[in-house]
Amino acid sequence: MSTEKRPPLDRARVADTALKLLNEVGLDGLTLRAIAKELDVKAPALYWHFKDKQALLDEMATEMFRRMVARTELDPSDTWRERLLKSNRGLRTALLGYRDGAKVYSGSRFTALVHVEQMEETLRLFTAAGFTLAQAVRATSTSYLYTLGFVIEEQGVEPLPGERREGFDVAERARLMADFPLSAAAGAEIFQDFERHYEEGLALVLEGIETRYGNVLQGRGERREKPHTAAPDLRPDEPGPSAPHA
């Protein structure tokens, strides 16, 4: 019999194990029983730490955020555009690192105030640029929701980078829709080249924010940088912090 002492069973160890197992079995297969087996404990032991699966998902999302912000430092000199680009690209990169990562993150509630410092700094940056607090919240929330929704759909096609689900053959889709040529051709724009499509969409969101609030911001002397005029000019940065949960 092995006498090796196992680390104590706590929330952090359970969440870490769950995140590792997530990549193997996906969200549907991630049960408390499966996690308990991986930890070599009885399932009831987990209920001392998490009352149900949603409570565990909340802790997993919180840990995902911790790991994401640990990989980057925000630049106080960022413009609001730079901050949205970094944070949303970083969020997408982080979510793509886990099978069903966006589904785990979506709707979860942070179990600690891990996001508040980043949230406060971002809102301070936006209000200093001329946004009202309400406008700053709307701008950051809208870009965050775009990224989260995009990745949910992206992972519905490619659960992990390089892994494609059966049933998303673009050529076969086009053949079945031959009588609807525009819809058939749209398949390549929907189910391929996610990186380019994400960047194009993110640029549209930022341009929409500027169009909506631009006159006010210019009137308040916001520092402006050369705008991105085409999606190929956008390059992914290192992972950054996500737009915060309220």
Protein backbone atom coordinates (compact mmCIF):
# COMPACT_ATOMS: atom_id res chain seq x y z
CA MET A 1 0.00 0.00 0.00
CA SER A 2 1.35 3.42 -0.97
CA THR A 3 2.22 5.68 1.95
CA GLU A 4 2.58 8.76 -0.25
CA LYS A 5 0.70 11.63 1.36
CA ARG A 6 -1.88 13.22 -0.92
CA PRO A 7 -2.45 16.98 -0.89
CA PRO A 8 -5.51 18.05 1.09
CA LEU A 9 -8.84 18.10 -0.67
CA ASP A 10 -9.86 21.74 -0.93
CA ARG A 11 -11.73 23.99 -3.37
CA ALA A 12 -8.59 24.88 -5.30
CA ARG A 13 -7.59 21.26 -5.85
CA VAL A 14 -11.10 20.27 -6.91
CA ALA A 15 -11.36 23.17 -9.37
CA ASP A 16 -7.92 22.45 -10.83
CA THR A 17 -8.80 18.80 -11.34
CA ALA A 18 -12.13 19.76 -12.90
CA LEU A 19 -10.44 22.09 -15.39
CA LYS A 20 -8.00 19.36 -16.41
CA LEU A 21 -10.81 16.84 -16.80
CA LEU A 22 -12.89 19.33 -18.79
CA ASN A 23 -10.56 19.04 -21.75
CA GLU A 24 -11.06 15.28 -21.82
CA VAL A 25 -14.80 14.93 -21.30
CA GLY A 26 -16.34 18.34 -22.03
CA LEU A 27 -18.97 20.10 -19.97
CA ASP A 28 -21.65 17.42 -20.38
CA GLY A 29 -19.30 14.71 -19.15
CA LEU A 30 -17.98 16.74 -16.24
CA THR A 31 -19.88 15.24 -13.33
CA LEU A 32 -19.04 15.39 -9.64
CA ARG A 33 -18.76 11.61 -9.73
CA ALA A 34 -16.15 11.78 -12.53
CA ILE A 35 -14.19 14.45 -10.67
CA ALA A 36 -14.30 12.43 -7.45
CA LYS A 37 -12.96 9.39 -9.30
CA GLU A 38 -10.12 11.48 -10.71
CA LEU A 39 -9.31 12.67 -7.18
CA ASP A 40 -9.65 9.12 -5.78
CA VAL A 41 -12.29 10.15 -3.27
CA LYS A 42 -15.96 9.40 -2.79
CA ALA A 43 -18.38 11.80 -4.51
CA PRO A 44 -20.00 12.95 -1.22
CA ALA A 45 -16.62 14.38 -0.17
CA LEU A 46 -16.98 17.05 -2.85
CA TYR A 47 -20.22 18.32 -1.35
CA TRP A 48 -18.26 19.64 1.62
CA HIS A 49 -16.80 22.16 -0.82
CA PHE A 50 -19.48 22.61 -3.52
CA LYS A 51 -23.19 22.25 -2.95
CA ASP A 52 -23.86 21.45 -6.63
CA LYS A 53 -22.31 21.50 -10.09
CA GLN A 54 -23.07 25.19 -10.67
CA ALA A 55 -21.13 26.11 -7.56
CA LEU A 56 -18.19 24.17 -8.97
CA LEU A 57 -18.54 25.90 -12.36
CA ASP A 58 -18.45 29.25 -10.56
CA GLU A 59 -15.16 28.30 -8.92
CA MET A 60 -13.78 27.01 -12.24
CA ALA A 61 -14.64 30.30 -13.96
CA THR A 62 -12.99 32.21 -11.13
CA GLU A 63 -9.85 30.12 -11.46
CA MET A 64 -9.85 30.66 -15.24
CA PHE A 65 -9.91 34.39 -14.60
CA ARG A 66 -7.09 34.17 -12.05
CA ARG A 67 -4.89 32.34 -14.54
CA MET A 68 -5.75 34.79 -17.29
CA VAL A 69 -4.81 37.94 -15.38
CA ALA A 70 -1.67 36.29 -14.02
CA ARG A 71 -0.30 36.20 -17.58
CA THR A 72 -0.50 39.92 -18.24
CA GLU A 73 -0.07 43.37 -16.79
CA LEU A 74 -2.33 46.16 -17.97
CA ASP A 75 -0.66 49.26 -19.31
CA PRO A 76 -2.02 52.40 -17.61
CA SER A 77 -1.24 54.34 -20.80
CA ASP A 78 -3.63 52.24 -22.90
CA THR A 79 -6.31 54.06 -24.81
CA TRP A 80 -9.81 52.66 -24.40
CA ARG A 81 -9.50 50.96 -27.80
CA GLU A 82 -6.21 49.32 -26.86
CA ARG A 83 -7.69 48.14 -23.58
CA LEU A 84 -10.71 46.55 -25.29
CA LEU A 85 -8.52 44.87 -27.90
CA LYS A 86 -6.15 43.41 -25.31
CA SER A 87 -8.82 42.31 -22.86
CA ASN A 88 -11.12 40.70 -25.40
CA ARG A 89 -8.35 38.98 -27.34
CA GLY A 90 -7.01 37.72 -24.03
CA LEU A 91 -10.43 36.45 -23.00
CA ARG A 92 -10.86 34.55 -26.26
CA THR A 93 -7.39 33.00 -25.96
CA ALA A 94 -8.11 31.90 -22.41
CA LEU A 95 -11.50 30.39 -23.21
CA LEU A 96 -10.13 28.50 -26.20
CA GLY A 97 -7.67 26.78 -23.86
CA TYR A 98 -10.47 24.65 -22.42
CA ARG A 99 -13.02 22.40 -24.09
CA ASP A 100 -16.37 24.19 -23.61
CA GLY A 101 -14.45 26.96 -21.87
CA ALA A 102 -16.90 29.64 -22.99
CA LYS A 103 -19.88 27.65 -21.75
CA VAL A 104 -18.26 27.21 -18.35
CA TYR A 105 -17.51 30.93 -18.16
CA SER A 106 -20.89 32.09 -19.43
CA GLY A 107 -23.37 32.83 -16.67
CA SER A 108 -20.96 31.89 -13.90
CA ARG A 109 -20.55 34.04 -10.83
CA PHE A 110 -17.10 34.77 -9.47
CA THR A 111 -16.59 33.29 -6.01
CA ALA A 112 -14.12 36.00 -4.96
CA LEU A 113 -13.42 39.61 -5.83
CA VAL A 114 -10.65 38.63 -8.24
CA HIS A 115 -11.98 40.92 -10.95
CA VAL A 116 -12.61 44.14 -9.06
CA GLU A 117 -9.13 45.66 -9.29
CA GLN A 118 -9.04 45.16 -13.07
CA MET A 119 -12.62 46.37 -13.41
CA GLU A 120 -11.91 49.53 -11.43
CA GLU A 121 -8.80 50.33 -13.47
CA THR A 122 -10.62 49.80 -16.76
CA LEU A 123 -13.59 51.95 -15.74
CA ARG A 124 -11.19 54.65 -14.53
CA LEU A 125 -9.42 54.56 -17.90
CA PHE A 126 -12.71 54.88 -19.78
CA THR A 127 -14.10 57.69 -17.68
CA ALA A 128 -10.79 59.55 -17.95
CA ALA A 129 -11.13 59.23 -21.75
CA GLY A 130 -14.51 61.00 -21.60
CA PHE A 131 -17.01 58.17 -21.22
CA THR A 132 -19.68 58.49 -18.58
CA LEU A 133 -19.76 55.54 -16.20
CA ALA A 134 -22.88 54.20 -17.94
CA GLN A 135 -21.21 54.47 -21.35
CA ALA A 136 -18.07 52.78 -20.06
CA VAL A 137 -20.10 49.88 -18.69
CA ARG A 138 -22.03 49.56 -21.93
CA ALA A 139 -18.89 49.61 -24.08
CA THR A 140 -16.97 47.04 -22.00
CA SER A 141 -20.01 44.79 -21.52
CA THR A 142 -20.93 44.81 -25.21
CA SER A 143 -17.45 43.84 -26.34
CA TYR A 144 -17.25 41.18 -23.62
CA LEU A 145 -20.59 39.66 -24.68
CA TYR A 146 -19.48 39.66 -28.32
CA THR A 147 -16.34 37.72 -27.44
CA LEU A 148 -18.14 35.27 -25.18
CA GLY A 149 -20.87 34.57 -27.73
CA PHE A 150 -18.37 34.23 -30.57
CA VAL A 151 -16.31 31.66 -28.68
CA ILE A 152 -19.38 29.65 -27.67
CA GLU A 153 -20.24 29.30 -31.37
CA GLU A 154 -16.61 28.74 -32.34
CA GLN A 155 -16.23 25.92 -29.85
CA GLY A 156 -19.47 24.41 -31.11
CA VAL A 157 -17.57 23.78 -34.35
CA GLU A 158 -14.05 23.30 -32.99
CA PRO A 159 -14.21 22.14 -29.34
CA LEU A 160 -10.43 22.55 -29.13
CA PRO A 161 -8.06 24.18 -31.64
CA GLY A 162 -7.52 21.79 -34.54
CA GLU A 163 -10.40 19.51 -33.52
CA ARG A 164 -13.51 19.82 -35.70
CA ARG A 165 -16.89 18.34 -34.87
CA GLU A 166 -18.60 16.03 -37.33
CA GLY A 167 -21.35 17.71 -39.34
CA PHE A 168 -19.54 20.95 -40.12
CA ASP A 169 -18.24 20.08 -43.58
CA VAL A 170 -18.55 23.32 -45.55
CA ALA A 171 -18.48 21.63 -48.95
CA GLU A 172 -21.24 19.18 -47.96
CA ARG A 173 -23.29 22.04 -46.55
CA ALA A 174 -22.94 23.92 -49.83
CA ARG A 175 -24.04 20.86 -51.78
CA LEU A 176 -27.18 20.45 -49.66
CA MET A 177 -27.99 24.16 -50.11
CA ALA A 178 -27.31 24.26 -53.83
CA ASP A 179 -30.72 25.83 -54.51
CA PHE A 180 -29.84 28.69 -52.17
CA PRO A 181 -26.50 29.93 -53.54
CA LEU A 182 -25.93 32.85 -51.17
CA SER A 183 -26.68 30.75 -48.11
CA ALA A 184 -24.48 27.98 -49.48
CA ALA A 185 -21.57 30.33 -50.04
CA ALA A 186 -22.02 31.86 -46.58
CA GLY A 187 -20.86 28.63 -44.98
CA ALA A 188 -17.22 29.48 -45.62
CA GLU A 189 -17.77 32.83 -43.88
CA ILE A 190 -19.46 31.24 -40.87
CA PHE A 191 -17.59 28.02 -40.19
CA GLN A 192 -14.01 28.69 -41.30
CA ASP A 193 -11.17 31.09 -40.50
CA PHE A 194 -12.45 31.97 -37.05
CA GLU A 195 -9.43 34.12 -36.23
CA ARG A 196 -10.08 36.54 -39.09
CA HIS A 197 -13.81 36.63 -38.51
CA TYR A 198 -13.36 37.32 -34.82
CA GLU A 199 -11.02 40.23 -35.52
CA GLU A 200 -13.40 41.68 -38.11
CA GLY A 201 -16.28 41.47 -35.66
CA LEU A 202 -14.27 43.00 -32.82
CA ALA A 203 -13.30 45.88 -35.10
CA LEU A 204 -16.98 46.41 -35.92
CA VAL A 205 -17.82 46.53 -32.21
CA LEU A 206 -15.11 49.12 -31.52
CA GLU A 207 -16.16 51.20 -34.51
CA GLY A 208 -19.74 51.06 -33.26
CA ILE A 209 -18.66 52.29 -29.83
CA GLU A 210 -16.73 55.14 -31.40
CA THR A 211 -19.64 56.05 -33.66
CA ARG A 212 -22.07 56.03 -30.75
CA TYR A 213 -19.93 58.02 -28.32
CA GLY A 214 -17.31 59.60 -30.58
CA ASN A 215 -18.56 63.17 -30.65
CA VAL A 216 -18.65 63.34 -26.86
CA LEU A 217 -15.19 61.81 -26.55
CA GLN A 218 -13.64 64.16 -29.12
CA GLY A 219 -15.23 67.10 -27.36
CA ARG A 220 -13.49 66.06 -24.16
CA GLY A 221 -10.08 65.83 -25.80
CA GLU A 222 -9.60 62.05 -25.90
CA ARG A 223 -6.19 60.97 -27.16
CA ARG A 224 -6.62 59.21 -30.48
CA GLU A 225 -4.39 56.76 -32.26
CA LYS A 226 -4.39 55.72 -35.88
CA PRO A 227 -7.54 53.61 -36.37
CA HIS A 228 -7.52 50.06 -37.64
CA THR A 229 -8.94 50.17 -41.14
CA ALA A 230 -8.81 46.52 -42.12
CA ALA A 231 -9.01 43.25 -40.23
CA PRO A 232 -5.64 41.90 -41.52
CA ASP A 233 -3.93 44.79 -39.68
CA LEU A 234 -5.17 43.46 -36.35
CA ARG A 235 -2.78 41.15 -34.59
CA PRO A 236 -3.53 39.10 -31.46
CA ASP A 237 -1.76 40.33 -28.34
CA GLU A 238 -0.77 38.36 -25.30
CA PRO A 239 -3.72 37.19 -23.19
CA GLY A 240 -5.22 39.95 -21.10
CA PRO A 241 -7.95 40.20 -18.51
CA SER A 242 -11.52 39.64 -19.50
CA ALA A 243 -14.25 42.16 -19.26
CA PRO A 244 -15.37 41.76 -15.67
CA HIS A 245 -18.52 40.14 -14.42
CA ALA A 246 -20.80 42.52 -12.61
